Protein backbone atom coordinates (compact mmCIF):
# COMPACT_ATOMS: atom_id res chain seq x y z
CA MET A 1 -144.63 213.66 93.20
CA ARG A 2 -141.87 215.21 95.08
CA ILE A 3 -142.63 212.95 97.95
CA LEU A 4 -142.49 209.90 95.59
CA ILE A 5 -139.12 210.88 94.41
CA MET A 6 -137.87 211.23 97.83
CA GLY A 7 -139.29 207.87 98.77
CA LEU A 8 -137.48 206.49 95.61
CA VAL A 9 -134.00 208.04 96.64
CA LEU A 10 -134.60 206.61 100.41
CA PHE A 11 -135.46 203.29 98.93
CA VAL A 12 -132.27 203.05 96.65
CA SER A 13 -130.17 204.29 99.55
CA LEU A 14 -131.32 201.59 101.76
CA ALA A 15 -130.98 198.84 99.10
CA THR A 16 -127.52 199.91 97.94
CA SER A 17 -126.28 200.08 101.80
CA GLN A 18 -127.24 196.73 102.13
CA VAL A 19 -125.01 195.62 99.52
CA ALA A 20 -121.94 197.71 100.62
CA HIS A 21 -121.39 196.33 104.01
CA ALA A 22 -118.38 196.37 105.89
CA THR A 23 -118.27 192.67 106.84
CA PHE A 24 -116.07 190.46 104.34
CA THR A 25 -118.68 188.32 102.46
CA VAL A 26 -117.83 185.05 100.46
CA THR A 27 -120.79 183.79 97.98
CA LEU A 28 -120.84 180.03 96.76
CA ASP A 29 -123.07 179.92 93.89
CA GLN A 30 -123.94 177.06 91.28
CA VAL A 31 -123.15 178.77 87.76
CA GLY A 32 -123.84 176.48 85.01
CA SER A 33 -121.83 173.30 85.53
CA ASN A 34 -119.52 175.11 87.99
CA VAL A 35 -119.49 176.44 91.45
CA VAL A 36 -118.16 179.88 91.73
CA ALA A 37 -116.93 181.81 94.85
CA ASN A 38 -116.77 185.54 95.08
CA GLY A 39 -115.32 187.49 98.03
CA SER A 40 -115.56 190.99 98.78
CA GLY A 41 -115.17 193.45 101.45
CA SER A 42 -112.45 194.59 104.27
CA ILE A 43 -111.12 193.22 107.33
CA ASN A 44 -110.32 194.68 110.69
CA LEU A 45 -107.11 193.26 112.08
CA THR A 46 -107.04 195.38 115.26
CA ASP A 47 -108.20 192.59 117.70
CA LEU A 48 -106.11 189.91 115.88
CA THR A 49 -102.69 188.78 116.52
CA PHE A 50 -100.24 188.97 113.60
CA VAL A 51 -98.19 185.49 113.36
CA SER A 52 -96.08 185.51 110.36
CA SER A 53 -96.03 185.95 106.66
CA LEU A 54 -96.27 182.96 104.50
CA SER A 55 -95.86 181.74 100.96
CA PRO A 56 -98.88 181.51 98.45
CA GLU A 57 -101.73 179.32 99.96
CA THR A 58 -103.50 176.82 97.21
CA PRO A 59 -106.97 178.02 96.74
CA LEU A 60 -109.34 175.31 98.35
CA ILE A 61 -112.43 174.59 100.20
CA LEU A 62 -112.78 172.17 103.21
CA PRO A 63 -116.19 172.63 104.54
CA ALA A 64 -115.81 169.99 107.36
CA SER A 65 -113.40 172.42 108.95
CA SER A 66 -114.84 175.95 108.07
CA ASP A 67 -111.66 176.13 105.87
CA LEU A 68 -111.59 178.33 102.68
CA ALA A 69 -108.74 180.00 100.79
CA ILE A 70 -109.65 182.17 97.78
CA GLY A 71 -107.69 184.51 95.36
CA GLY A 72 -104.74 184.79 93.65
CA LEU A 73 -101.30 183.00 94.40
CA PHE A 74 -99.74 185.98 96.23
CA ASN A 75 -97.84 186.01 99.65
CA LEU A 76 -100.02 186.17 102.81
CA SER A 77 -100.11 187.44 106.19
CA PHE A 78 -101.57 184.78 108.93
CA TYR A 79 -103.19 186.28 111.84
CA LYS A 80 -104.90 184.24 114.97
CA GLY A 81 -107.68 185.39 117.22
CA ILE A 82 -110.77 184.62 119.01
CA PHE A 83 -113.23 183.67 116.51
CA THR A 84 -117.08 182.78 117.13
CA GLY A 85 -119.14 180.90 114.76
CA PRO A 86 -119.67 177.65 112.92
CA THR A 87 -117.02 175.01 113.02
CA THR A 88 -118.20 173.43 109.83
CA PHE A 89 -120.51 174.68 106.76
CA GLY A 90 -120.99 170.94 105.41
CA SER A 91 -119.40 167.52 105.49
CA GLY A 92 -116.83 167.81 102.41
CA GLY A 93 -113.11 167.21 102.51
CA ILE A 94 -110.67 169.33 100.63
CA THR A 95 -111.16 170.41 97.10
CA LEU A 96 -108.65 172.33 95.29
CA ALA A 97 -110.06 175.14 93.05
CA THR A 98 -109.88 174.99 89.19
CA SER A 99 -108.92 178.67 89.04
CA SER A 100 -108.71 181.53 91.36
CA ASN A 101 -107.84 185.29 91.14
CA GLY A 102 -107.79 188.42 93.13
CA ASN A 103 -106.64 189.20 96.64
CA VAL A 104 -105.83 186.46 98.82
CA PHE A 105 -108.05 185.49 101.73
CA GLY A 106 -108.41 182.87 103.76
CA PHE A 107 -109.86 181.47 107.23
CA LEU A 108 -109.87 178.28 109.13
CA LEU A 109 -112.00 177.69 112.04
CA ASP A 110 -111.49 174.07 113.22
CA PRO A 111 -111.77 173.54 117.06
CA ASN A 112 -109.23 170.83 116.72
CA ILE A 113 -106.60 173.51 114.99
CA GLU A 114 -105.82 177.02 116.01
CA ASP A 115 -108.14 179.49 114.44
CA GLU A 116 -106.59 181.49 111.60
CA LEU A 117 -107.18 184.19 109.05
CA THR A 118 -105.05 185.02 106.22
CA VAL A 119 -104.78 188.18 104.09
CA PRO A 120 -102.63 189.91 101.47
CA GLU A 121 -99.11 190.41 102.97
CA GLY A 122 -98.75 194.02 104.23
CA TYR A 123 -102.67 194.41 104.28
CA THR A 124 -103.98 197.79 106.17
CA SER A 125 -107.26 197.27 107.96
CA GLY A 126 -110.14 198.60 106.23
CA THR A 127 -108.64 198.10 102.84
CA PHE A 128 -111.29 196.74 100.14
CA LEU A 129 -110.47 193.15 98.96
CA PHE A 130 -112.05 191.27 96.02
CA ASP A 131 -111.23 187.77 94.90
CA THR A 132 -112.91 184.94 93.13
CA MET A 133 -112.48 180.95 92.41
CA SER A 134 -114.06 178.43 90.29
CA PHE A 135 -114.76 174.54 90.89
CA ASP A 136 -115.19 173.34 87.68
CA ASN A 137 -117.89 170.31 86.87
CA THR A 138 -119.03 170.11 90.36
CA THR A 139 -122.11 171.10 92.46
CA LEU A 140 -122.44 172.37 95.99
CA SER A 141 -123.64 169.01 96.88
CA GLY A 142 -120.40 167.60 95.30
CA LEU A 143 -118.16 169.90 97.23
CA GLY A 144 -119.91 168.77 100.36
CA VAL A 145 -121.25 172.27 101.23
CA THR A 146 -124.71 172.59 103.28
CA PRO A 147 -126.50 175.33 101.75
CA GLY A 148 -127.07 178.40 104.28
CA ILE A 149 -125.54 181.49 105.64
CA TYR A 150 -122.87 181.14 107.98
CA THR A 151 -121.31 184.07 110.22
CA TRP A 152 -118.04 184.26 111.99
CA THR A 153 -117.41 187.05 114.08
CA TRP A 154 -114.32 188.53 116.39
CA GLY A 155 -113.09 191.62 117.91
CA THR A 156 -115.23 193.80 120.45
CA GLY A 157 -116.60 197.34 120.14
CA ALA A 158 -115.51 199.48 117.09
CA ASN A 159 -112.92 196.67 116.49
CA ALA A 160 -115.55 194.09 115.92
CA ASP A 161 -115.95 192.56 112.35
CA SER A 162 -117.16 189.52 110.76
CA ILE A 163 -117.17 187.14 107.91
CA VAL A 164 -120.16 185.98 106.12
CA LEU A 165 -120.43 183.00 104.15
CA ASP A 166 -123.60 182.68 101.75
CA ALA A 167 -123.74 179.08 100.30
CA GLY A 168 -126.17 178.76 97.76
CA VAL A 169 -128.60 181.50 99.37
CA SER A 170 -129.45 184.78 97.60
CA ALA A 171 -129.97 187.13 100.72
CA THR A 172 -129.25 190.38 99.06
CA PRO A 173 -130.33 191.86 95.52
CA GLU A 174 -127.28 192.70 93.53
CA PRO A 175 -126.57 196.21 92.47
CA PRO A 176 -128.07 195.76 88.93
CA THR A 177 -131.26 194.26 90.29
CA VAL A 178 -131.52 197.15 92.67
CA TRP A 179 -131.24 199.73 89.88
CA LEU A 180 -133.82 197.68 87.65
CA MET A 181 -136.28 197.84 90.52
CA ALA A 182 -135.59 201.47 90.87
CA THR A 183 -135.77 202.42 87.17
CA GLY A 184 -139.18 200.43 87.12
CA MET A 185 -140.49 202.42 90.32
CA LEU A 186 -139.42 205.54 88.59
CA GLY A 187 -141.23 204.58 85.59
CA MET A 188 -144.47 204.08 87.48
CA PHE A 189 -144.15 207.18 89.20
CA GLY A 190 -143.77 209.13 85.94
CA TRP A 191 -146.88 207.36 84.43
CA ALA A 192 -148.91 208.22 87.62
CA GLY A 193 -147.73 211.99 87.23
CA TYR A 194 -148.63 212.04 83.60
CA ARG A 195 -152.06 210.59 84.12
CA LYS A 196 -152.59 213.24 87.02
CA MET A 197 -151.66 215.85 84.52
CA ARG A 198 -153.94 214.71 81.78
CA ALA A 199 -156.92 214.35 84.26
CA SER A 200 -156.53 217.95 85.37
CA ALA A 201 -156.02 219.21 81.98
């Protein structure tokens, strides 16, 4: 029984560590009749160059240029650097978000334009960010998004970082799912122990 409990603890630790990764992840999911974007994680700015502070950016998506801006309307800081990754995540043009909240975050990775990344003004590397936006009455296809997982990287060594866009793909169980699985496993272990006790009685 002790070994089973230790195995359960290890399972939960591994599962939750997959969710709590250091990269900044954006998910694009169909939720009813809307497409919802959620972003979370942190950014390492060490190997990026500060350019300037800008006025609030309009939340939008532009798949044809790997362009996405998400979060509330707050002043932001603009950084440039050498990014590696896909130059598109679909063929769609600009679509403005219906609503958007949270920490401002954005990226533009078009080979015809200087790559850029935006974060809240005064942002400190490693600070957790969370943001969300919604495109009402549309679909991923309607936005011109090609489903898939897209990754952009920058920096080297300890300063290496990345952005992951999960467009319509569920790659990692969410925390509630992990805990439901863990609870189910604990129940099975308890039932097995109970049966063993009855058999030995």
